[in-house]
């Protein structure tokens, strides 16, 4: 009899990678993945704690399963990730339908916990929470061979470090993912090489503050630039990315590597969070707006065609209209390709929640959030017009979910003399611009040249693949 698991992932790329590693464990146990939660014998929510809304969403999902889970005693419900670490055993005490609570540093134990719970879930409800000294076990989990269960099997994440030492006053991450721990370079290269041998063509290196990677080997301190150099040399790799960077003490060697290593994408995700020095101090970001702008200017002078993405928080405690206007001014100066914009959400246990009053009204937060979204949309739309008439290199990801050709039109398109059906495809440039274009399905996973004929704030559109 087939056994099924259902997994839902919230939050960042780190959580997506953790989910992939968890799925490997379940696949090794003989389970198969399903998108139908009612078919599953094991249900897993991989959670985020960065904002209250993310936790509220999980609580709602747990509540929706109450009656059904009670009527299906063989079904195991596991809550893993950052929210699991923050709540701990309280999740088991408060929600009887939850069988397993597992922090991000104990995921190597999940398959064992699932097996025990499946044998007798009522007697084996348990929590595994992060403690010091787990790096060795976690490293073994990271370097296990991965089964090709990814939606895009030619793209993969590789973790280069865990945790964070920045302790920004609003952020829960250091408390739920622990301090910074960098992986050995040889393990990173080993994992990347194996993924490339399995058909991966684009690798994204992950870290909460990825540019702070530090590992001592044979008396030499290695940094992210050394990782980029080593992974870049693996035959078969076509693209290499890294996220997310922290602005303070950014090593120029990273920018030099981006400039001279052809496989490294000219893309930098480097959150500012605010354009006000007063708010940055309250956030404990430990840099100024002037230093941030100096870094962006240097990066663009070194890396040809660099695109920059950012993050901003609006409505941080004490943020005035003048502070917000400073953020608007920073966005206009930097002209980000895109920004992730969030309303401030107090997180229990953080310095901001302990010491600062959440005094910006919700309606003001909402308006500032919308104002920044509108401004970013305006900037992106203006800057994307420069691509019209140009040829861009695109890694083809697959069929577009929202094609601007209908199915009948697409099926009638034929590719030159080869008579291959052409459909509406989507992919990304090295600078992370989304491109929608017509092309054959056989091109998925390949890098092709597309001529752009129109552009919007979010998307570049091309009609043909050049040279196909």
Protein backbone atom coordinates (compact mmCIF):
# COMPACT_ATOMS: atom_id res chain seq x y z
CA UNK A 1 0.00 0.00 0.00
CA UNK A 2 1.40 3.40 -0.98
CA UNK A 3 2.23 5.89 1.75
CA UNK A 4 1.93 9.59 1.00
CA UNK A 5 3.27 12.80 2.49
CA UNK A 6 2.06 16.36 2.05
CA UNK A 7 4.45 19.24 2.74
CA UNK A 8 3.77 22.96 2.68
CA UNK A 9 6.62 25.44 2.94
CA UNK A 10 6.39 29.03 4.13
CA UNK A 11 9.08 31.67 4.22
CA UNK A 12 12.55 32.00 2.77
CA UNK A 13 14.78 30.00 0.44
CA UNK A 14 16.42 28.41 3.49
CA UNK A 15 13.06 26.85 4.37
CA UNK A 16 12.65 25.64 0.79
CA UNK A 17 16.00 23.87 1.02
CA UNK A 18 15.11 22.39 4.41
CA UNK A 19 11.87 21.05 2.93
CA UNK A 20 13.80 19.41 0.11
CA UNK A 21 16.09 17.69 2.61
CA UNK A 22 13.09 16.55 4.65
CA UNK A 23 11.45 15.16 1.52
CA UNK A 24 14.58 13.13 0.83
CA UNK A 25 14.19 11.44 4.20
CA UNK A 26 10.56 10.55 3.51
CA UNK A 27 11.32 9.33 -0.01
CA UNK A 28 14.00 7.06 1.49
CA UNK A 29 11.31 5.62 3.79
CA UNK A 30 9.17 4.78 0.76
CA UNK A 31 6.71 7.67 0.96
CA UNK A 32 5.51 9.50 -2.13
CA UNK A 33 4.63 13.18 -2.42
CA UNK A 34 1.02 14.29 -2.89
CA UNK A 35 -0.62 17.68 -3.41
CA UNK A 36 -3.86 16.35 -1.88
CA UNK A 37 -3.63 16.81 1.89
CA UNK A 38 -6.51 14.39 2.45
CA UNK A 39 -4.51 11.60 0.76
CA UNK A 40 -1.49 12.01 3.04
CA UNK A 41 -0.53 9.87 6.01
CA UNK A 42 2.13 12.44 6.97
CA UNK A 43 1.42 16.18 6.87
CA UNK A 44 4.29 18.65 7.35
CA UNK A 45 4.16 22.41 7.74
CA UNK A 46 7.58 24.02 7.39
CA UNK A 47 7.07 27.33 9.12
CA UNK A 48 8.36 30.89 9.28
CA UNK A 49 8.47 33.22 12.30
CA UNK A 50 9.71 36.43 10.70
CA UNK A 51 6.24 38.02 10.85
CA UNK A 52 3.16 37.37 12.96
CA UNK A 53 1.08 36.85 9.82
CA UNK A 54 3.22 33.83 8.91
CA UNK A 55 2.56 32.20 12.29
CA UNK A 56 -1.15 33.07 12.19
CA UNK A 57 -1.38 31.29 8.85
CA UNK A 58 0.04 28.09 10.35
CA UNK A 59 -2.29 28.23 13.36
CA UNK A 60 -5.22 28.60 11.00
CA UNK A 61 -4.10 25.57 8.99
CA UNK A 62 -3.69 23.50 12.15
CA UNK A 63 -7.18 24.50 13.25
CA UNK A 64 -8.68 23.47 9.92
CA UNK A 65 -7.33 19.94 10.46
CA UNK A 66 -8.79 19.46 13.95
CA UNK A 67 -11.88 17.38 13.17
CA UNK A 68 -10.46 15.53 10.19
CA UNK A 69 -7.25 14.70 12.05
CA UNK A 70 -9.24 13.36 15.01
CA UNK A 71 -11.17 11.05 12.67
CA UNK A 72 -7.95 9.84 10.99
CA UNK A 73 -5.80 8.59 13.92
CA UNK A 74 -3.13 7.17 11.62
CA UNK A 75 -2.29 10.61 10.17
CA UNK A 76 0.80 12.33 11.62
CA UNK A 77 1.02 16.12 11.68
CA UNK A 78 4.50 17.66 11.99
CA UNK A 79 5.25 21.35 12.46
CA UNK A 80 8.89 22.08 11.64
CA UNK A 81 11.10 25.12 11.10
CA UNK A 82 11.41 28.48 12.79
CA UNK A 83 7.94 28.70 14.33
CA UNK A 84 8.38 25.18 15.72
CA UNK A 85 11.63 26.26 17.37
CA UNK A 86 10.09 29.45 18.80
CA UNK A 87 6.93 27.82 20.18
CA UNK A 88 8.54 24.54 21.22
CA UNK A 89 6.45 22.12 23.27
CA UNK A 90 3.72 24.74 23.66
CA UNK A 91 2.50 23.65 20.22
CA UNK A 92 2.01 20.11 21.52
CA UNK A 93 0.27 21.33 24.66
CA UNK A 94 -2.07 23.75 22.90
CA UNK A 95 -2.88 21.79 19.73
CA UNK A 96 -3.55 18.10 20.30
CA UNK A 97 -3.62 17.42 16.56
CA UNK A 98 0.12 18.29 16.36
CA UNK A 99 2.25 15.16 16.81
CA UNK A 100 5.76 16.41 16.03
CA UNK A 101 7.50 19.74 16.66
CA UNK A 102 10.97 19.93 15.10
CA UNK A 103 13.34 22.91 14.98
CA UNK A 104 15.47 23.65 11.89
CA UNK A 105 18.59 22.29 13.60
CA UNK A 106 17.04 18.88 14.34
CA UNK A 107 15.67 18.00 10.92
CA UNK A 108 18.03 15.03 10.67
CA UNK A 109 15.81 13.37 13.30
CA UNK A 110 12.51 13.89 11.51
CA UNK A 111 12.27 10.54 9.70
CA UNK A 112 12.86 8.69 12.96
CA UNK A 113 10.20 10.81 14.70
CA UNK A 114 7.71 10.17 11.89
CA UNK A 115 8.25 6.41 12.06
CA UNK A 116 7.69 6.35 15.81
CA UNK A 117 4.57 8.50 15.55
CA UNK A 118 3.15 6.32 12.76
CA UNK A 119 3.51 3.26 15.00
CA UNK A 120 1.55 4.87 17.82
CA UNK A 121 1.02 8.58 17.40
CA UNK A 122 -0.71 9.07 20.76
CA UNK A 123 2.29 7.75 22.71
CA UNK A 124 4.95 9.34 20.54
CA UNK A 125 4.04 13.01 20.34
CA UNK A 126 7.37 14.76 20.74
CA UNK A 127 9.47 17.87 20.22
CA UNK A 128 13.06 18.11 18.98
CA UNK A 129 14.45 21.60 19.53
CA UNK A 130 17.79 23.08 18.55
CA UNK A 131 20.74 23.02 20.93
CA UNK A 132 24.45 23.65 20.55
CA UNK A 133 26.62 20.95 19.05
CA UNK A 134 24.32 19.76 16.28
CA UNK A 135 26.44 20.95 13.35
CA UNK A 136 27.94 17.55 12.60
CA UNK A 137 24.52 15.88 12.29
CA UNK A 138 23.20 18.75 10.24
CA UNK A 139 26.19 18.59 7.93
CA UNK A 140 25.47 14.92 7.24
CA UNK A 141 21.89 15.86 6.34
CA UNK A 142 23.06 18.64 4.00
CA UNK A 143 25.43 16.42 2.01
CA UNK A 144 23.11 13.43 1.59
CA UNK A 145 22.38 12.70 -2.09
CA UNK A 146 19.19 14.47 -3.13
CA UNK A 147 16.44 12.79 -5.07
CA UNK A 148 15.16 14.72 -8.08
CA UNK A 149 11.87 15.73 -6.49
CA UNK A 150 12.29 19.44 -7.25
CA UNK A 151 9.78 21.25 -9.44
CA UNK A 152 12.74 22.64 -11.40
CA UNK A 153 15.31 19.81 -11.36
CA UNK A 154 17.94 21.95 -13.09
CA UNK A 155 17.98 24.54 -10.27
CA UNK A 156 19.09 23.89 -6.70
CA UNK A 157 20.00 25.60 -3.43
CA UNK A 158 23.25 24.85 -1.60
CA UNK A 159 23.64 26.08 1.96
CA UNK A 160 27.02 27.66 2.72
CA UNK A 161 26.26 28.76 6.28
CA UNK A 162 23.62 28.64 8.97
CA UNK A 163 22.38 31.12 11.52
CA UNK A 164 22.99 34.82 12.06
CA UNK A 165 25.03 36.97 14.45
CA UNK A 166 23.60 40.35 13.47
CA UNK A 167 20.81 40.57 16.05
CA UNK A 168 18.84 43.26 14.27
CA UNK A 169 16.43 44.49 16.91
CA UNK A 170 13.30 43.39 15.02
CA UNK A 171 14.51 39.96 13.87
CA UNK A 172 13.76 36.54 15.34
CA UNK A 173 16.18 34.60 13.10
CA UNK A 174 19.23 34.51 15.46
CA UNK A 175 16.99 33.09 18.19
CA UNK A 176 15.44 30.33 16.09
CA UNK A 177 18.33 29.45 13.77
CA UNK A 178 21.22 30.10 16.13
CA UNK A 179 24.63 31.70 15.57
CA UNK A 180 26.54 31.83 12.30
CA UNK A 181 28.22 28.54 11.37
CA UNK A 182 29.99 28.23 8.02
CA UNK A 183 30.28 24.89 6.26
CA UNK A 184 33.63 23.48 5.10
CA UNK A 185 34.39 24.58 1.55
CA UNK A 186 35.10 21.02 0.45
CA UNK A 187 31.62 19.93 1.56
CA UNK A 188 29.99 22.77 -0.36
CA UNK A 189 31.91 21.86 -3.51
CA UNK A 190 31.15 18.16 -3.04
CA UNK A 191 27.43 18.86 -2.78
CA UNK A 192 27.43 21.25 -5.74
CA UNK A 193 29.36 18.79 -7.91
CA UNK A 194 26.93 15.98 -7.15
CA UNK A 195 23.93 18.19 -7.97
CA UNK A 196 25.50 19.23 -11.28
CA UNK A 197 26.17 15.58 -12.13
CA UNK A 198 22.44 14.99 -11.57
CA UNK A 199 21.54 17.67 -14.13
CA UNK A 200 21.44 20.89 -12.10
CA UNK A 201 22.57 23.88 -14.16
CA UNK A 202 21.95 26.79 -11.77
CA UNK A 203 23.00 26.82 -8.11
CA UNK A 204 22.06 29.43 -5.54
CA UNK A 205 24.29 29.63 -2.47
CA UNK A 206 22.29 30.33 0.68
CA UNK A 207 23.01 32.06 3.97
CA UNK A 208 21.11 34.39 6.27
CA UNK A 209 24.04 36.79 5.73
CA UNK A 210 25.82 34.89 2.99
CA UNK A 211 28.61 37.41 2.43
CA UNK A 212 29.75 36.80 6.02
CA UNK A 213 30.83 33.24 5.20
CA UNK A 214 34.09 32.46 7.01
CA UNK A 215 35.85 29.11 7.26
CA UNK A 216 39.41 28.43 8.42
CA UNK A 217 41.25 25.76 6.43
CA UNK A 218 44.96 25.01 6.82
CA UNK A 219 45.45 28.28 8.65
CA UNK A 220 43.77 30.30 5.88
CA UNK A 221 40.47 32.13 6.35
CA UNK A 222 38.18 31.50 3.40
CA UNK A 223 35.38 33.87 2.43
CA UNK A 224 32.45 33.85 0.03
CA UNK A 225 34.74 34.88 -2.85
CA UNK A 226 36.64 31.61 -2.36
CA UNK A 227 33.36 29.67 -2.48
CA UNK A 228 32.34 31.41 -5.70
CA UNK A 229 35.72 30.64 -7.27
CA UNK A 230 35.61 26.96 -6.28
CA UNK A 231 32.02 26.24 -7.34
CA UNK A 232 32.47 28.23 -10.56
CA UNK A 233 35.13 25.75 -11.71
CA UNK A 234 32.78 22.73 -11.65
CA UNK A 235 32.15 21.50 -15.20
CA UNK A 236 28.52 21.60 -16.25
CA UNK A 237 27.51 24.56 -14.10
CA UNK A 238 25.93 27.36 -16.10
CA UNK A 239 24.85 29.89 -13.48
CA UNK A 240 25.79 30.69 -9.90
CA UNK A 241 23.90 33.00 -7.52
CA UNK A 242 24.05 33.85 -3.82
CA UNK A 243 21.55 35.33 -1.34
CA UNK A 244 21.09 37.19 1.00
CA UNK A 245 23.85 39.74 1.66
CA UNK A 246 24.30 42.05 4.64
CA UNK A 247 25.53 45.59 3.88
CA UNK A 248 28.06 46.03 6.71
CA UNK A 249 31.71 45.11 6.05
CA UNK A 250 30.94 43.75 2.57
CA UNK A 251 34.17 42.22 1.19
CA UNK A 252 35.17 43.81 -2.13
CA UNK A 253 36.67 40.46 -3.17
CA UNK A 254 33.10 39.21 -3.65
CA UNK A 255 32.42 41.98 -6.15
CA UNK A 256 35.68 41.25 -7.97
CA UNK A 257 34.67 37.58 -8.24
CA UNK A 258 31.28 38.59 -9.61
CA UNK A 259 33.02 40.75 -12.20
CA UNK A 260 35.47 38.17 -13.57
CA UNK A 261 33.64 34.85 -13.09
CA UNK A 262 31.33 34.53 -16.09
CA UNK A 263 28.96 32.03 -14.45
CA UNK A 264 28.26 34.26 -11.44
CA UNK A 265 25.08 36.26 -12.06
CA UNK A 266 25.29 40.07 -11.82
CA UNK A 267 22.61 40.16 -9.14
CA UNK A 268 22.88 41.40 -5.56
CA UNK A 269 20.11 41.08 -2.99
CA UNK A 270 21.18 43.45 -0.24
CA UNK A 271 18.46 44.73 2.09
CA UNK A 272 18.63 48.31 3.39
CA UNK A 273 15.48 48.03 5.60
CA UNK A 274 15.23 51.83 6.02
CA UNK A 275 16.49 55.05 4.49
CA UNK A 276 16.68 56.81 7.84
CA UNK A 277 19.86 56.67 9.90
CA UNK A 278 17.83 57.17 13.06
CA UNK A 279 15.68 54.13 12.29
CA UNK A 280 18.71 52.09 11.21
CA UNK A 281 20.26 52.73 14.64
CA UNK A 282 17.04 51.63 16.33
CA UNK A 283 17.06 48.52 14.13
CA UNK A 284 20.68 47.81 15.19
CA UNK A 285 21.70 47.54 11.55
CA UNK A 286 25.17 49.02 12.28
CA UNK A 287 25.63 50.96 9.05
CA UNK A 288 24.46 54.32 7.74
CA UNK A 289 22.55 55.24 4.62
CA UNK A 290 25.71 56.92 3.35
CA UNK A 291 27.75 53.71 3.78
CA UNK A 292 25.00 51.71 2.09
CA UNK A 293 24.94 54.03 -0.92
CA UNK A 294 28.74 53.94 -1.08
CA UNK A 295 28.58 50.13 -1.27
CA UNK A 296 25.95 50.18 -4.03
CA UNK A 297 27.99 52.69 -6.04
CA UNK A 298 31.14 50.59 -5.66
CA UNK A 299 29.31 47.39 -6.61
CA UNK A 300 27.91 48.95 -9.78
CA UNK A 301 31.30 50.35 -10.74
CA UNK A 302 32.90 46.89 -10.45
CA UNK A 303 30.16 44.55 -11.72
CA UNK A 304 28.95 45.39 -15.24
CA UNK A 305 25.17 45.34 -15.61
CA UNK A 306 24.56 44.70 -11.91
CA UNK A 307 20.95 44.54 -10.75
CA UNK A 308 20.13 45.20 -7.11
CA UNK A 309 17.19 43.94 -5.06
CA UNK A 310 16.34 45.10 -1.56
CA UNK A 311 14.11 44.76 1.48
CA UNK A 312 12.37 47.49 3.48
CA UNK A 313 10.36 47.52 6.69
CA UNK A 314 7.78 50.28 7.11
CA UNK A 315 6.16 51.33 10.36
CA UNK A 316 9.10 50.45 12.60
CA UNK A 317 8.59 51.88 16.13
CA UNK A 318 9.07 55.63 16.09
CA UNK A 319 9.14 55.95 12.30
CA UNK A 320 8.01 59.49 11.42
CA UNK A 321 6.87 60.91 8.12
CA UNK A 322 10.41 62.31 7.72
CA UNK A 323 11.94 58.88 8.31
CA UNK A 324 9.63 57.35 5.75
CA UNK A 325 10.44 60.08 3.22
CA UNK A 326 14.14 59.22 3.69
CA UNK A 327 13.30 55.64 2.69
CA UNK A 328 11.48 56.92 -0.39
CA UNK A 329 14.53 59.01 -1.26
CA UNK A 330 16.82 55.97 -0.89
CA UNK A 331 14.64 53.88 -3.19
CA UNK A 332 14.77 56.60 -5.83
CA UNK A 333 18.57 56.85 -5.57
CA UNK A 334 19.27 53.12 -5.75
CA UNK A 335 16.54 52.24 -8.29
CA UNK A 336 16.17 48.61 -7.24
CA UNK A 337 15.14 45.97 -9.73
CA UNK A 338 12.64 44.83 -7.13
CA UNK A 339 12.04 45.20 -3.41
CA UNK A 340 10.40 43.07 -0.76
CA UNK A 341 8.43 45.44 1.45
CA UNK A 342 6.99 44.49 4.83
CA UNK A 343 4.99 46.15 7.56
CA UNK A 344 6.72 45.97 10.93
CA UNK A 345 5.48 43.04 13.00
CA UNK A 346 6.60 42.75 16.65
CA UNK A 347 8.32 39.43 17.36
CA UNK A 348 8.30 38.22 20.97
CA UNK A 349 11.77 37.99 22.46
CA UNK A 350 13.42 40.49 20.13
CA UNK A 351 15.01 43.72 21.36
CA UNK A 352 12.47 45.88 19.53
CA UNK A 353 9.52 44.05 21.08
CA UNK A 354 11.08 44.23 24.56
CA UNK A 355 12.11 47.88 24.43
CA UNK A 356 10.10 49.78 21.80
CA UNK A 357 6.41 50.56 21.57
CA UNK A 358 4.70 49.48 18.34
CA UNK A 359 3.39 53.02 17.96
CA UNK A 360 2.82 53.44 14.22
CA UNK A 361 -0.91 52.94 13.47
CA UNK A 362 -1.77 50.00 11.22
CA UNK A 363 -3.43 52.26 8.65
CA UNK A 364 -0.21 54.31 8.41
CA UNK A 365 1.83 51.12 7.96
CA UNK A 366 -0.53 49.98 5.22
CA UNK A 367 -0.35 53.30 3.39
CA UNK A 368 3.44 53.45 3.58
CA UNK A 369 3.66 49.86 2.39
CA UNK A 370 1.47 50.67 -0.60
CA UNK A 371 3.38 53.87 -1.35
CA UNK A 372 6.66 51.95 -1.56
CA UNK A 373 5.08 49.24 -3.70
CA UNK A 374 3.75 51.89 -6.08
CA UNK A 375 7.14 53.61 -6.23
CA UNK A 376 8.95 50.33 -6.91
CA UNK A 377 6.44 49.50 -9.64
CA UNK A 378 7.09 52.90 -11.23
CA UNK A 379 10.89 52.46 -11.10
CA UNK A 380 10.78 48.89 -12.43
CA UNK A 381 8.47 49.83 -15.28
CA UNK A 382 10.70 52.73 -16.32
CA UNK A 383 13.95 50.77 -16.09
CA UNK A 384 12.59 47.70 -17.88
CA UNK A 385 11.83 49.74 -21.01
CA UNK A 386 15.58 49.84 -21.73
CA UNK A 387 15.45 46.13 -22.62
CA UNK A 388 13.07 46.61 -25.55
CA UNK A 389 14.88 45.68 -28.76
CA UNK A 390 17.71 43.99 -26.88
CA UNK A 391 18.66 40.32 -26.79
CA UNK A 392 18.85 38.81 -23.29
CA UNK A 393 20.14 35.44 -22.10
CA UNK A 394 17.38 33.48 -20.40
CA UNK A 395 17.47 30.27 -18.41
CA UNK A 396 14.20 28.59 -19.46
CA UNK A 397 12.27 27.50 -16.36
CA UNK A 398 9.13 26.05 -17.94
CA UNK A 399 5.67 26.92 -19.24
CA UNK A 400 4.31 30.28 -18.15
CA UNK A 401 1.47 30.06 -15.63
CA UNK A 402 -0.12 33.17 -17.13
CA UNK A 403 0.65 32.99 -20.84
CA UNK A 404 -0.22 35.87 -23.11
CA UNK A 405 -1.01 33.34 -25.84
CA UNK A 406 -3.98 31.06 -25.35
CA UNK A 407 -3.55 27.30 -25.77
CA UNK A 408 -5.05 27.23 -29.26
CA UNK A 409 -2.70 29.95 -30.49
CA UNK A 410 0.27 28.26 -28.88
CA UNK A 411 -0.52 24.87 -30.37
CA UNK A 412 -0.72 26.41 -33.83
CA UNK A 413 2.77 27.90 -33.56
CA UNK A 414 5.53 25.77 -35.10
CA UNK A 415 9.21 26.19 -34.61
CA UNK A 416 10.74 26.95 -38.03
CA UNK A 417 11.21 23.83 -40.14
CA UNK A 418 11.57 21.45 -37.21
CA UNK A 419 7.79 21.40 -36.72
CA UNK A 420 8.10 21.34 -32.93
CA UNK A 421 5.13 22.72 -30.97
CA UNK A 422 5.83 26.13 -29.49
CA UNK A 423 4.31 27.27 -26.22
CA UNK A 424 4.52 30.22 -23.91
CA UNK A 425 7.60 29.80 -21.72
CA UNK A 426 9.06 31.71 -18.78
CA UNK A 427 12.64 32.13 -17.63
CA UNK A 428 15.05 34.51 -15.93
CA UNK A 429 18.03 36.55 -16.98
CA UNK A 430 21.27 36.54 -15.04
CA UNK A 431 20.07 39.78 -13.46
CA UNK A 432 16.91 37.97 -12.29
CA UNK A 433 14.50 39.64 -14.71
CA UNK A 434 11.49 37.47 -15.56
CA UNK A 435 11.08 36.90 -19.31
CA UNK A 436 8.02 35.41 -21.04
CA UNK A 437 8.42 34.25 -24.65
CA UNK A 438 7.44 31.64 -27.22
CA UNK A 439 9.59 28.54 -27.40
CA UNK A 440 9.63 24.74 -27.52
CA UNK A 441 9.28 22.73 -24.32
CA UNK A 442 12.55 20.98 -25.17
CA UNK A 443 14.40 24.17 -24.19
CA UNK A 444 13.49 23.86 -20.48
CA UNK A 445 16.67 23.97 -18.44
CA UNK A 446 18.68 25.56 -21.26
CA UNK A 447 20.02 29.09 -21.66
CA UNK A 448 18.65 30.78 -24.77
CA UNK A 449 18.76 34.26 -26.30
CA UNK A 450 15.44 36.09 -26.44
CA UNK A 451 14.76 39.41 -28.13
CA UNK A 452 12.58 41.63 -25.94
CA UNK A 453 9.77 43.48 -27.69
CA UNK A 454 7.85 44.90 -24.74
CA UNK A 455 8.16 45.28 -20.99
CA UNK A 456 6.11 45.84 -17.85
CA UNK A 457 7.18 46.49 -14.26
CA UNK A 458 7.37 42.78 -13.48
CA UNK A 459 8.05 41.08 -16.80
CA UNK A 460 9.98 41.32 -20.06
CA UNK A 461 8.22 39.86 -23.10
CA UNK A 462 9.90 38.36 -26.16
CA UNK A 463 8.45 36.83 -29.28
CA UNK A 464 11.15 34.46 -30.45
CA UNK A 465 14.16 32.51 -29.32
CA UNK A 466 17.07 33.80 -31.40
CA UNK A 467 18.99 31.16 -33.32
CA UNK A 468 16.61 28.25 -32.62
